Amino acid sequence: MLSFLTANLSTILVGAVVFGLVGLSVRATIRDLRSGQCAGCKGCSGCSGSCHGCHTGH
């Protein structure tokens, strides 16, 4: 088992970093949606009003 971990340590570390970045991205998107902001865009001026929050005037 230890030989497997040492042989694949770089792959495991890269996977952990990618998993962490994806988790932070999902967390930020959920936080934006809960606060009523546009998720995935930089404000209502940048999305042409296609976000739900932009239609309600946020």
N, C-alpha and C. Protein backbone atom coordinates (compact mmCIF):
# COMPACT_ATOMS: atom_id res chain seq x y z
N MET A 1 0.82 -1.19 0.00
CA MET A 1 0.00 0.00 0.00
C MET A 1 0.88 1.26 0.00
N LEU A 2 1.94 1.24 0.77
CA LEU A 2 2.83 2.39 0.83
C LEU A 2 3.54 2.60 -0.50
N SER A 3 3.87 1.53 -1.17
CA SER A 3 4.52 1.67 -2.47
C SER A 3 3.57 2.28 -3.50
N PHE A 4 2.30 1.94 -3.42
CA PHE A 4 1.30 2.53 -4.31
C PHE A 4 1.20 4.03 -4.07
N LEU A 5 1.15 4.44 -2.81
CA LEU A 5 1.06 5.87 -2.49
C LEU A 5 2.28 6.64 -2.95
N THR A 6 3.45 6.10 -2.75
CA THR A 6 4.66 6.80 -3.18
C THR A 6 4.77 6.85 -4.70
N ALA A 7 4.31 5.81 -5.38
CA ALA A 7 4.38 5.79 -6.84
C ALA A 7 3.39 6.76 -7.47
N ASN A 8 2.29 7.03 -6.79
CA ASN A 8 1.23 7.88 -7.34
C ASN A 8 1.03 9.17 -6.56
N LEU A 9 2.02 9.59 -5.81
CA LEU A 9 1.88 10.77 -4.96
C LEU A 9 1.58 12.02 -5.76
N SER A 10 2.27 12.21 -6.87
CA SER A 10 2.03 13.42 -7.66
C SER A 10 0.61 13.44 -8.23
N THR A 11 0.11 12.31 -8.69
CA THR A 11 -1.24 12.24 -9.21
C THR A 11 -2.26 12.51 -8.11
N ILE A 12 -2.02 11.98 -6.95
CA ILE A 12 -2.92 12.19 -5.82
C ILE A 12 -2.93 13.67 -5.42
N LEU A 13 -1.79 14.32 -5.39
CA LEU A 13 -1.72 15.73 -5.02
C LEU A 13 -2.41 16.61 -6.07
N VAL A 14 -2.18 16.35 -7.34
CA VAL A 14 -2.83 17.13 -8.39
C VAL A 14 -4.34 16.94 -8.32
N GLY A 15 -4.78 15.74 -8.11
CA GLY A 15 -6.22 15.47 -7.98
C GLY A 15 -6.83 16.19 -6.79
N ALA A 16 -6.11 16.24 -5.68
CA ALA A 16 -6.61 16.93 -4.50
C ALA A 16 -6.72 18.43 -4.75
N VAL A 17 -5.74 19.00 -5.45
CA VAL A 17 -5.78 20.43 -5.76
C VAL A 17 -6.95 20.74 -6.70
N VAL A 18 -7.14 19.94 -7.72
CA VAL A 18 -8.25 20.14 -8.66
C VAL A 18 -9.58 20.00 -7.93
N PHE A 19 -9.71 19.00 -7.10
CA PHE A 19 -10.94 18.79 -6.34
C PHE A 19 -11.21 19.98 -5.42
N GLY A 20 -10.18 20.52 -4.80
CA GLY A 20 -10.34 21.68 -3.93
C GLY A 20 -10.78 22.92 -4.69
N LEU A 21 -10.21 23.15 -5.87
CA LEU A 21 -10.59 24.30 -6.68
C LEU A 21 -12.03 24.19 -7.17
N VAL A 22 -12.43 23.01 -7.57
CA VAL A 22 -13.81 22.81 -7.99
C VAL A 22 -14.76 23.05 -6.82
N GLY A 23 -14.39 22.57 -5.65
CA GLY A 23 -15.21 22.80 -4.46
C GLY A 23 -15.36 24.27 -4.13
N LEU A 24 -14.27 25.03 -4.24
CA LEU A 24 -14.35 26.47 -3.97
C LEU A 24 -15.22 27.18 -5.00
N SER A 25 -15.15 26.74 -6.24
CA SER A 25 -15.97 27.34 -7.29
C SER A 25 -17.46 27.07 -7.05
N VAL A 26 -17.79 25.85 -6.70
CA VAL A 26 -19.18 25.51 -6.41
C VAL A 26 -19.67 26.28 -5.19
N ARG A 27 -18.84 26.41 -4.19
CA ARG A 27 -19.20 27.16 -2.98
C ARG A 27 -19.50 28.62 -3.31
N ALA A 28 -18.68 29.24 -4.14
CA ALA A 28 -18.89 30.63 -4.52
C ALA A 28 -20.17 30.79 -5.32
N THR A 29 -20.46 29.85 -6.22
CA THR A 29 -21.68 29.91 -7.02
C THR A 29 -22.91 29.78 -6.14
N ILE A 30 -22.89 28.85 -5.21
CA ILE A 30 -24.02 28.67 -4.31
C ILE A 30 -24.22 29.90 -3.44
N ARG A 31 -23.13 30.49 -2.95
CA ARG A 31 -23.22 31.69 -2.12
C ARG A 31 -23.83 32.85 -2.91
N ASP A 32 -23.44 32.99 -4.18
CA ASP A 32 -24.01 34.04 -5.02
C ASP A 32 -25.49 33.82 -5.26
N LEU A 33 -25.88 32.59 -5.53
CA LEU A 33 -27.29 32.30 -5.77
C LEU A 33 -28.14 32.56 -4.54
N ARG A 34 -27.65 32.19 -3.38
CA ARG A 34 -28.40 32.41 -2.14
C ARG A 34 -28.55 33.88 -1.79
N SER A 35 -27.57 34.68 -2.18
CA SER A 35 -27.64 36.11 -1.88
C SER A 35 -28.42 36.88 -2.95
N GLY A 36 -28.88 36.20 -3.98
CA GLY A 36 -29.67 36.83 -5.02
C GLY A 36 -28.85 37.48 -6.12
N GLN A 37 -27.55 37.28 -6.11
CA GLN A 37 -26.72 37.86 -7.15
C GLN A 37 -26.71 36.98 -8.38
N CYS A 38 -26.24 37.53 -9.47
CA CYS A 38 -26.07 36.74 -10.68
C CYS A 38 -24.94 35.75 -10.46
N ALA A 39 -25.17 34.49 -10.71
CA ALA A 39 -24.14 33.48 -10.58
C ALA A 39 -23.55 33.19 -11.94
N GLY A 40 -22.25 33.28 -12.06
CA GLY A 40 -21.59 32.96 -13.31
C GLY A 40 -21.34 34.16 -14.20
N CYS A 41 -21.77 35.34 -13.78
CA CYS A 41 -21.46 36.53 -14.55
C CYS A 41 -20.94 37.60 -13.60
N LYS A 42 -20.45 38.68 -14.14
CA LYS A 42 -19.83 39.71 -13.32
C LYS A 42 -20.77 40.88 -13.06
N GLY A 43 -22.03 40.62 -13.02
CA GLY A 43 -23.00 41.68 -12.77
C GLY A 43 -24.06 41.71 -13.85
N CYS A 44 -25.12 42.39 -13.57
CA CYS A 44 -26.25 42.42 -14.50
C CYS A 44 -25.89 43.14 -15.80
N SER A 45 -24.94 44.04 -15.78
CA SER A 45 -24.57 44.73 -17.02
C SER A 45 -23.83 43.79 -17.97
N GLY A 46 -23.24 42.72 -17.45
CA GLY A 46 -22.46 41.82 -18.29
C GLY A 46 -23.23 40.63 -18.82
N CYS A 47 -24.47 40.43 -18.37
CA CYS A 47 -25.19 39.23 -18.79
C CYS A 47 -26.39 39.54 -19.68
N SER A 48 -26.62 40.77 -20.05
CA SER A 48 -27.72 41.17 -20.92
C SER A 48 -29.08 40.83 -20.32
N GLY A 49 -29.14 40.74 -18.99
CA GLY A 49 -30.41 40.47 -18.33
C GLY A 49 -30.86 39.04 -18.37
N SER A 50 -29.98 38.11 -18.70
CA SER A 50 -30.39 36.71 -18.82
C SER A 50 -30.39 35.98 -17.47
N CYS A 51 -29.78 36.56 -16.45
CA CYS A 51 -29.77 35.93 -15.12
C CYS A 51 -31.09 36.20 -14.40
N HIS A 52 -31.48 35.26 -13.55
CA HIS A 52 -32.72 35.42 -12.79
C HIS A 52 -32.66 36.66 -11.90
N GLY A 53 -31.53 36.88 -11.26
CA GLY A 53 -31.38 38.04 -10.38
C GLY A 53 -31.45 39.36 -11.13
N CYS A 54 -31.07 39.36 -12.40
CA CYS A 54 -31.12 40.59 -13.21
C CYS A 54 -32.55 40.93 -13.59
N HIS A 55 -33.40 39.91 -13.73
CA HIS A 55 -34.79 40.16 -14.09
C HIS A 55 -35.55 40.77 -12.92
N THR A 56 -35.14 40.46 -11.70
CA THR A 56 -35.85 40.99 -10.53
C THR A 56 -35.30 42.32 -10.08
N GLY A 57 -34.27 42.81 -10.75
CA GLY A 57 -33.76 44.13 -10.44
C GLY A 57 -32.67 44.16 -9.39
N HIS A 58 -32.02 43.04 -9.15
CA HIS A 58 -30.95 43.02 -8.13
C HIS A 58 -29.73 43.64 -8.66
